[in-house]
Amino acid sequence: MNANLLIMTNERLSALFDGVIAIAITLLVLELKIPEVQGNTEFLLHDALREQIPEIVAWIISFFMIARIWQEQHIIWVYISGCDRWSIILTFFLLAACSLIPFGSNLVGKYPDSPFVVLIFSVLMVVNGLLVAALAAYVIHNDHLHRERGQVMILKNRVIYLAPVIPAIGAFAVFLAYEEHPLIGVSMWLIEPLALFVYHQVKGNVEI
């Protein structure tokens, strides 16, 4: 098979990706349990909900990161006319990595005092970010995928941003998990939108 042959439209792969994302988001929320309390309901409910803070933090971060992955993937598809063999393979690798995010989130919720769990969670996030960057880079270097010539600058900006920033956040999160507290470490993933904003400003408000 010719690797440069377009064998699938964007719509079919996009529908599959959206379905996996929807399932991953659903699995995240299943870890948030409704507390069962008796007696002084308000007091006990407050304590029960406070005990779920690690699960809530993990849900917020994981939901946001899954949304970011979905956003990045669909921006890539805006600029391609179809999918070839390698773009499909890369997308399936990304789907596999994305489907593991609920696993990492559940680990953080169940073992909030374990720095090693933050390491696992961060590795999953970094792998997802690098796979998005790899797919964008593949599209950039293969003209047969381009919807129109010359529309790759936005994708180049995404690769320039994702390739160094996502691993840097992951390393910082793991460092703080071991040096301070695991929940502080995993919360560092919330600085990703700030990093995106700063990069946007540095690039002179070029769309990324």
Protein backbone atom coordinates (compact mmCIF):
# COMPACT_ATOMS: atom_id res chain seq x y z
CA MET A 1 0.00 0.00 0.00
CA ASN A 2 1.22 3.46 -0.83
CA ALA A 3 1.74 5.30 2.47
CA ASN A 4 0.78 8.55 0.74
CA LEU A 5 -2.62 7.25 -0.31
CA LEU A 6 -5.61 8.88 1.39
CA ILE A 7 -7.71 5.94 2.54
CA MET A 8 -10.24 7.56 4.87
CA THR A 9 -12.08 10.85 5.30
CA ASN A 10 -11.61 12.96 8.39
CA GLU A 11 -15.23 12.50 9.42
CA ARG A 12 -15.00 8.76 10.16
CA LEU A 13 -11.89 9.07 12.31
CA SER A 14 -13.27 12.19 13.98
CA ALA A 15 -16.44 10.33 14.97
CA LEU A 16 -14.40 7.50 16.47
CA PHE A 17 -12.18 9.95 18.35
CA ASP A 18 -15.19 11.83 19.72
CA GLY A 19 -16.71 8.55 20.92
CA VAL A 20 -13.57 7.52 22.80
CA ILE A 21 -13.28 10.99 24.35
CA ALA A 22 -16.90 10.82 25.51
CA ILE A 23 -16.32 7.43 27.13
CA ALA A 24 -13.12 8.64 28.83
CA ILE A 25 -14.94 11.66 30.29
CA THR A 26 -17.76 9.42 31.53
CA LEU A 27 -15.30 7.06 33.22
CA LEU A 28 -13.72 10.02 35.02
CA VAL A 29 -16.93 11.08 36.76
CA LEU A 30 -17.77 7.53 37.88
CA GLU A 31 -15.06 7.82 40.53
CA LEU A 32 -16.94 10.68 42.23
CA LYS A 33 -19.20 8.94 44.73
CA ILE A 34 -22.25 10.37 46.48
CA PRO A 35 -21.45 10.26 50.22
CA GLU A 36 -23.83 8.29 52.44
CA VAL A 37 -24.14 9.93 55.87
CA GLN A 38 -26.48 9.57 58.85
CA GLY A 39 -27.13 11.71 61.88
CA ASN A 40 -25.78 15.24 61.69
CA THR A 41 -26.02 15.30 57.91
CA GLU A 42 -24.44 18.69 57.25
CA PHE A 43 -21.38 18.03 59.42
CA LEU A 44 -20.80 14.50 58.20
CA LEU A 45 -21.44 15.45 54.59
CA HIS A 46 -18.82 18.20 54.86
CA ASP A 47 -16.26 15.68 56.12
CA ALA A 48 -17.21 13.09 53.52
CA LEU A 49 -16.86 15.58 50.68
CA ARG A 50 -13.55 16.83 52.07
CA GLU A 51 -12.26 13.27 51.93
CA GLN A 52 -13.03 13.26 48.21
CA ILE A 53 -10.88 16.32 47.47
CA PRO A 54 -8.14 14.19 45.81
CA GLU A 55 -10.72 12.59 43.51
CA ILE A 56 -12.22 16.00 42.68
CA VAL A 57 -8.80 17.51 41.93
CA ALA A 58 -7.92 14.54 39.72
CA TRP A 59 -11.26 14.86 37.91
CA ILE A 60 -10.80 18.58 37.22
CA ILE A 61 -7.27 18.15 35.84
CA SER A 62 -8.07 15.03 33.83
CA PHE A 63 -11.25 16.51 32.35
CA PHE A 64 -9.38 19.61 31.31
CA MET A 65 -6.50 17.67 29.74
CA ILE A 66 -8.87 15.40 27.81
CA ALA A 67 -10.65 18.51 26.54
CA ARG A 68 -7.31 19.99 25.46
CA ILE A 69 -6.39 16.80 23.60
CA TRP A 70 -9.77 16.84 21.85
CA GLN A 71 -9.26 20.49 20.90
CA GLU A 72 -5.75 19.93 19.55
CA GLN A 73 -6.78 16.90 17.52
CA HIS A 74 -9.69 18.65 15.87
CA ILE A 75 -7.56 21.67 15.00
CA ILE A 76 -5.24 19.31 13.15
CA TRP A 77 -8.15 17.83 11.22
CA VAL A 78 -9.23 21.28 10.07
CA TYR A 79 -6.08 21.47 7.94
CA ILE A 80 -6.07 18.02 6.35
CA SER A 81 -8.15 16.71 3.47
CA GLY A 82 -8.11 13.07 4.54
CA CYS A 83 -6.21 10.40 6.42
CA ASP A 84 -3.48 8.07 5.23
CA ARG A 85 -2.12 4.94 6.89
CA TRP A 86 0.35 6.65 9.22
CA SER A 87 -2.00 9.43 10.31
CA ILE A 88 -4.54 6.75 11.23
CA ILE A 89 -1.91 4.77 13.16
CA LEU A 90 -0.80 7.87 15.06
CA THR A 91 -4.42 8.70 15.87
CA PHE A 92 -4.99 5.20 17.27
CA PHE A 93 -1.88 5.52 19.43
CA LEU A 94 -3.31 8.80 20.70
CA LEU A 95 -6.67 7.14 21.37
CA ALA A 96 -4.91 4.41 23.37
CA ALA A 97 -3.02 6.98 25.44
CA CYS A 98 -6.13 9.10 25.98
CA SER A 99 -8.15 6.07 27.13
CA LEU A 100 -5.60 5.56 29.94
CA ILE A 101 -6.19 9.01 31.45
CA PRO A 102 -9.10 7.78 33.64
CA PHE A 103 -6.75 5.08 34.98
CA GLY A 104 -4.19 7.72 35.95
CA SER A 105 -6.90 9.92 37.44
CA ASN A 106 -8.24 7.04 39.53
CA LEU A 107 -4.76 6.32 40.86
CA VAL A 108 -4.39 9.94 41.99
CA GLY A 109 -7.76 9.77 43.72
CA LYS A 110 -7.06 6.50 45.54
CA TYR A 111 -3.41 7.18 46.43
CA PRO A 112 -3.20 10.97 46.89
CA ASP A 113 -0.08 10.71 49.06
CA SER A 114 2.01 8.76 46.54
CA PRO A 115 4.52 10.71 44.43
CA PHE A 116 4.92 7.63 42.23
CA VAL A 117 1.26 7.92 41.25
CA VAL A 118 1.90 11.50 40.12
CA LEU A 119 4.79 10.17 38.03
CA ILE A 120 2.45 7.71 36.31
CA PHE A 121 -0.21 10.38 35.80
CA SER A 122 2.31 12.86 34.37
CA VAL A 123 3.83 10.28 32.03
CA LEU A 124 0.36 9.60 30.62
CA MET A 125 -0.22 13.32 30.06
CA VAL A 126 3.19 13.81 28.44
CA VAL A 127 2.67 10.85 26.12
CA ASN A 128 -0.68 12.29 25.03
CA GLY A 129 0.84 15.71 24.38
CA LEU A 130 3.77 14.31 22.42
CA LEU A 131 1.49 12.11 20.31
CA VAL A 132 -0.57 15.16 19.36
CA ALA A 133 2.66 16.96 18.45
CA ALA A 134 3.85 13.93 16.45
CA LEU A 135 0.61 13.83 14.47
CA ALA A 136 0.82 17.56 13.75
CA ALA A 137 4.47 17.19 12.68
CA TYR A 138 3.55 14.30 10.39
CA VAL A 139 0.84 16.39 8.73
CA ILE A 140 3.26 19.30 8.30
CA HIS A 141 5.79 17.18 6.42
CA ASN A 142 3.32 15.41 4.12
CA ASP A 143 1.84 17.70 1.49
CA HIS A 144 -0.68 15.12 0.30
CA LEU A 145 -2.57 15.58 3.58
CA HIS A 146 -2.89 19.36 3.30
CA ARG A 147 -6.30 20.77 2.49
CA GLU A 148 -4.58 23.79 0.94
CA ARG A 149 -0.90 24.55 0.45
CA GLY A 150 0.63 27.03 2.86
CA GLN A 151 -1.80 26.32 5.73
CA VAL A 152 0.70 24.62 8.03
CA MET A 153 2.02 27.56 10.07
CA ILE A 154 -0.60 27.08 12.78
CA LEU A 155 0.34 23.40 13.03
CA LYS A 156 4.02 24.33 13.25
CA ASN A 157 3.22 26.66 16.13
CA ARG A 158 1.41 23.85 17.91
CA VAL A 159 4.39 21.52 17.58
CA ILE A 160 6.74 24.25 18.82
CA TYR A 161 4.49 24.73 21.84
CA LEU A 162 3.55 21.14 22.69
CA ALA A 163 6.89 19.40 22.23
CA PRO A 164 8.80 21.30 24.97
CA VAL A 165 6.03 22.68 27.21
CA ILE A 166 4.09 19.48 27.98
CA PRO A 167 7.21 17.49 29.05
CA ALA A 168 8.38 20.51 31.08
CA ILE A 169 5.09 20.65 32.98
CA GLY A 170 5.29 16.90 33.55
CA ALA A 171 8.82 17.14 34.94
CA PHE A 172 7.85 20.06 37.20
CA ALA A 173 4.79 18.16 38.46
CA VAL A 174 6.87 15.10 39.37
CA PHE A 175 9.53 17.26 41.04
CA LEU A 176 6.96 18.98 43.26
CA ALA A 177 5.25 15.67 44.01
CA TYR A 178 8.47 14.28 45.49
CA GLU A 179 9.72 17.51 47.06
CA GLU A 180 6.46 18.98 48.40
CA HIS A 181 3.23 16.98 48.14
CA PRO A 182 1.72 14.78 45.41
CA LEU A 183 -1.44 16.88 45.11
CA ILE A 184 0.65 20.02 44.67
CA GLY A 185 2.59 18.23 41.96
CA VAL A 186 -0.42 16.98 40.03
CA SER A 187 -2.06 20.42 40.32
CA MET A 188 0.80 21.85 38.25
CA TRP A 189 -1.00 20.56 35.17
CA LEU A 190 -3.42 23.44 35.69
CA ILE A 191 -0.67 25.86 34.60
CA GLU A 192 -0.96 24.53 31.03
CA PRO A 193 -3.53 27.18 29.98
CA LEU A 194 -1.26 29.87 31.42
CA ALA A 195 1.65 28.48 29.40
CA LEU A 196 -0.54 28.51 26.29
CA PHE A 197 -1.55 32.13 26.96
CA VAL A 198 2.09 33.21 27.44
CA TYR A 199 3.13 31.45 24.24
CA HIS A 200 0.25 33.11 22.41
CA GLN A 201 1.46 36.52 23.57
CA VAL A 202 5.08 35.80 22.70
CA LYS A 203 4.05 34.79 19.18
CA GLY A 204 2.36 38.17 18.75
CA ASN A 205 -1.25 36.92 19.01
CA VAL A 206 -0.77 34.49 16.15
CA GLU A 207 -3.49 31.87 16.34
CA ILE A 208 -2.19 28.63 17.86
